[in-house]
Amino acid sequence: MFSFFLEKQPFPHWQLSNFLDVDPSIIECVEQELIKYPAWHRKENDLYSLHQTPDLKSLKALKYPAITSFRDFLYKEVREWLARTSGIELLPQVDSTGSCYASTDCLLAHSDQVLF
């Protein structure tokens, strides 16, 4: 499993080591399946600009075996590790997408939490 350590500069964050400690060809398979995925959509607003897939939860393993295997890794091992490490009870819903940022795209730091 991967390890982590807390950094405090320039802001508090975790840095993961060996997060994907696998044969590089596995990552290349995920990348190739994402490149060939037909349903990328452009998304733009004041916080981000990128191309993104729909949520990966609906993908079928027979058609996208590498992506679904990685998705399942995120849904199970990473989610369990994050809950255990942070001490926070996570919601059951996991959102996962493929995202592609071109050289002129951006993702600004922000919180997804909406306060009323």
C-alpha atoms as a PDB file:
ATOM      1  CA  MET A   1       0.000   0.000   0.000  1.00  0.00           C
ATOM      2  CA  PHE A   2       1.052   3.609  -0.391  1.00  0.00           C
ATOM      3  CA  SER A   3       2.361   5.896   2.322  1.00  0.00           C
ATOM      4  CA  PHE A   4       1.875   9.586   3.018  1.00  0.00           C
ATOM      5  CA  PHE A   5       3.280  12.504   4.925  1.00  0.00           C
ATOM      6  CA  LEU A   6       1.841  15.887   5.816  1.00  0.00           C
ATOM      7  CA  GLU A   7       3.417  19.018   4.384  1.00  0.00           C
ATOM      8  CA  LYS A   8       2.563  22.436   5.768  1.00  0.00           C
ATOM      9  CA  GLN A   9       3.984  24.736   3.081  1.00  0.00           C
ATOM     10  CA  PRO A  10       2.737  26.537   1.084  1.00  0.00           C
ATOM     11  CA  PHE A  11      -0.538  25.222   2.613  1.00  0.00           C
ATOM     12  CA  PRO A  12      -1.449  22.039   4.554  1.00  0.00           C
ATOM     13  CA  HIS A  13      -1.571  19.027   2.231  1.00  0.00           C
ATOM     14  CA  TRP A  14      -0.733  15.333   2.071  1.00  0.00           C
ATOM     15  CA  GLN A  15       1.859  13.957  -0.274  1.00  0.00           C
ATOM     16  CA  LEU A  16       1.388  10.318  -1.306  1.00  0.00           C
ATOM     17  CA  SER A  17       4.296   8.001  -2.111  1.00  0.00           C
ATOM     18  CA  ASN A  18       3.884   4.867  -4.225  1.00  0.00           C
ATOM     19  CA  PHE A  19       0.219   5.659  -4.822  1.00  0.00           C
ATOM     20  CA  LEU A  20       0.324   3.675  -8.058  1.00  0.00           C
ATOM     21  CA  ASP A  21       3.133   1.246  -7.309  1.00  0.00           C
ATOM     22  CA  VAL A  22       2.374  -0.953 -10.329  1.00  0.00           C
ATOM     23  CA  ASP A  23       3.882  -1.971 -13.631  1.00  0.00           C
ATOM     24  CA  PRO A  24       3.881   1.188 -15.840  1.00  0.00           C
ATOM     25  CA  SER A  25       2.151  -0.756 -18.619  1.00  0.00           C
ATOM     26  CA  ILE A  26      -0.996  -0.882 -16.445  1.00  0.00           C
ATOM     27  CA  ILE A  27      -1.091   2.922 -16.297  1.00  0.00           C
ATOM     28  CA  GLU A  28      -0.494   3.064 -20.049  1.00  0.00           C
ATOM     29  CA  CYS A  29      -3.531   0.794 -20.569  1.00  0.00           C
ATOM     30  CA  VAL A  30      -5.714   3.151 -18.508  1.00  0.00           C
ATOM     31  CA  GLU A  31      -4.364   6.100 -20.492  1.00  0.00           C
ATOM     32  CA  GLN A  32      -5.022   4.416 -23.856  1.00  0.00           C
ATOM     33  CA  GLU A  33      -8.589   3.495 -22.893  1.00  0.00           C
ATOM     34  CA  LEU A  34      -9.238   7.089 -21.803  1.00  0.00           C
ATOM     35  CA  ILE A  35      -7.752   8.468 -25.032  1.00  0.00           C
ATOM     36  CA  LYS A  36     -10.111   6.238 -27.041  1.00  0.00           C
ATOM     37  CA  TYR A  37     -13.141   6.998 -24.843  1.00  0.00           C
ATOM     38  CA  PRO A  38     -15.714   8.696 -27.116  1.00  0.00           C
ATOM     39  CA  ALA A  39     -17.693  10.883 -24.691  1.00  0.00           C
ATOM     40  CA  TRP A  40     -15.361  13.725 -23.654  1.00  0.00           C
ATOM     41  CA  HIS A  41     -17.102  17.069 -23.027  1.00  0.00           C
ATOM     42  CA  ARG A  42     -15.725  20.583 -22.710  1.00  0.00           C
ATOM     43  CA  LYS A  43     -16.362  22.215 -19.310  1.00  0.00           C
ATOM     44  CA  GLU A  44     -15.623  25.862 -18.575  1.00  0.00           C
ATOM     45  CA  ASN A  45     -16.490  28.366 -15.867  1.00  0.00           C
ATOM     46  CA  ASP A  46     -14.652  30.892 -13.686  1.00  0.00           C
ATOM     47  CA  LEU A  47     -12.921  28.102 -11.683  1.00  0.00           C
ATOM     48  CA  TYR A  48     -11.860  25.642 -14.367  1.00  0.00           C
ATOM     49  CA  SER A  49     -11.541  24.851 -18.052  1.00  0.00           C
ATOM     50  CA  LEU A  50     -10.953  21.285 -19.224  1.00  0.00           C
ATOM     51  CA  HIS A  51     -12.271  18.290 -21.136  1.00  0.00           C
ATOM     52  CA  GLN A  52     -13.964  15.657 -18.986  1.00  0.00           C
ATOM     53  CA  THR A  53     -15.661  12.275 -19.310  1.00  0.00           C
ATOM     54  CA  PRO A  54     -19.008  11.472 -17.716  1.00  0.00           C
ATOM     55  CA  ASP A  55     -18.816   9.703 -14.335  1.00  0.00           C
ATOM     56  CA  LEU A  56     -16.868   6.447 -14.724  1.00  0.00           C
ATOM     57  CA  LYS A  57     -19.300   4.444 -12.558  1.00  0.00           C
ATOM     58  CA  SER A  58     -21.315   3.431 -15.638  1.00  0.00           C
ATOM     59  CA  LEU A  59     -18.400   1.940 -17.612  1.00  0.00           C
ATOM     60  CA  LYS A  60     -18.506  -1.776 -18.405  1.00  0.00           C
ATOM     61  CA  ALA A  61     -15.478  -3.917 -17.521  1.00  0.00           C
ATOM     62  CA  LEU A  62     -15.611  -5.867 -20.794  1.00  0.00           C
ATOM     63  CA  LYS A  63     -15.241  -2.695 -22.866  1.00  0.00           C
ATOM     64  CA  TYR A  64     -12.910  -0.740 -20.525  1.00  0.00           C
ATOM     65  CA  PRO A  65     -11.101  -3.278 -18.306  1.00  0.00           C
ATOM     66  CA  ALA A  66      -8.182  -1.035 -17.291  1.00  0.00           C
ATOM     67  CA  ILE A  67     -10.342   1.979 -16.406  1.00  0.00           C
ATOM     68  CA  THR A  68     -12.855  -0.110 -14.454  1.00  0.00           C
ATOM     69  CA  SER A  69     -10.057  -1.838 -12.550  1.00  0.00           C
ATOM     70  CA  PHE A  70      -8.570   1.552 -11.604  1.00  0.00           C
ATOM     71  CA  ARG A  71     -12.033   2.883 -10.721  1.00  0.00           C
ATOM     72  CA  ASP A  72     -12.632  -0.098  -8.426  1.00  0.00           C
ATOM     73  CA  PHE A  73      -9.234   0.537  -6.768  1.00  0.00           C
ATOM     74  CA  LEU A  74     -10.328   4.122  -6.043  1.00  0.00           C
ATOM     75  CA  TYR A  75     -13.774   3.048  -4.820  1.00  0.00           C
ATOM     76  CA  LYS A  76     -12.467   0.381  -2.443  1.00  0.00           C
ATOM     77  CA  GLU A  77      -8.809   0.572  -1.352  1.00  0.00           C
ATOM     78  CA  VAL A  78      -8.265   4.324  -1.682  1.00  0.00           C
ATOM     79  CA  ARG A  79     -11.633   5.201  -0.154  1.00  0.00           C
ATOM     80  CA  GLU A  80     -11.076   2.834   2.812  1.00  0.00           C
ATOM     81  CA  TRP A  81      -7.531   4.153   3.328  1.00  0.00           C
ATOM     82  CA  LEU A  82      -8.695   7.779   3.196  1.00  0.00           C
ATOM     83  CA  ALA A  83     -11.471   7.179   5.750  1.00  0.00           C
ATOM     84  CA  ARG A  84      -9.119   5.292   8.084  1.00  0.00           C
ATOM     85  CA  THR A  85      -6.283   7.830   7.755  1.00  0.00           C
ATOM     86  CA  SER A  86      -8.416  10.959   8.063  1.00  0.00           C
ATOM     87  CA  GLY A  87     -10.792   9.599  10.698  1.00  0.00           C
ATOM     88  CA  ILE A  88     -13.692  10.999   8.679  1.00  0.00           C
ATOM     89  CA  GLU A  89     -16.740   8.908   7.820  1.00  0.00           C
ATOM     90  CA  LEU A  90     -17.050   9.289   4.057  1.00  0.00           C
ATOM     91  CA  LEU A  91     -20.294   9.407   2.123  1.00  0.00           C
ATOM     92  CA  PRO A  92     -20.998   6.266   0.067  1.00  0.00           C
ATOM     93  CA  GLN A  93     -21.116   8.180  -3.236  1.00  0.00           C
ATOM     94  CA  VAL A  94     -17.796   8.335  -5.116  1.00  0.00           C
ATOM     95  CA  ASP A  95     -17.517  10.547  -8.192  1.00  0.00           C
ATOM     96  CA  SER A  96     -14.781   9.748 -10.698  1.00  0.00           C
ATOM     97  CA  THR A  97     -14.120  11.150 -14.143  1.00  0.00           C
ATOM     98  CA  GLY A  98     -11.349  11.348 -16.672  1.00  0.00           C
ATOM     99  CA  SER A  99     -10.046  14.907 -17.008  1.00  0.00           C
ATOM    100  CA  CYS A 100      -7.753  16.382 -19.636  1.00  0.00           C
ATOM    101  CA  TYR A 101      -6.160  19.805 -19.222  1.00  0.00           C
ATOM    102  CA  ALA A 102      -4.576  21.419 -22.292  1.00  0.00           C
ATOM    103  CA  SER A 103      -1.777  23.965 -21.921  1.00  0.00           C
ATOM    104  CA  THR A 104      -4.257  26.859 -21.735  1.00  0.00           C
ATOM    105  CA  ASP A 105      -6.717  25.126 -19.364  1.00  0.00           C
ATOM    106  CA  CYS A 106      -6.833  25.710 -15.616  1.00  0.00           C
ATOM    107  CA  LEU A 107      -8.166  24.508 -12.274  1.00  0.00           C
ATOM    108  CA  LEU A 108      -8.230  27.217  -9.622  1.00  0.00           C
ATOM    109  CA  ALA A 109      -8.025  26.353  -5.941  1.00  0.00           C
ATOM    110  CA  HIS A 110     -11.530  26.331  -4.474  1.00  0.00           C
ATOM    111  CA  SER A 111     -13.874  24.520  -2.116  1.00  0.00           C
ATOM    112  CA  ASP A 112     -16.776  22.497  -3.494  1.00  0.00           C
ATOM    113  CA  GLN A 113     -18.658  23.122  -0.248  1.00  0.00           C
ATOM    114  CA  VAL A 114     -21.523  25.572  -0.769  1.00  0.00           C
ATOM    115  CA  LEU A 115     -22.492  27.668   2.248  1.00  0.00           C
ATOM    116  CA  PHE A 116     -25.945  29.197   2.568  1.00  0.00           C
END
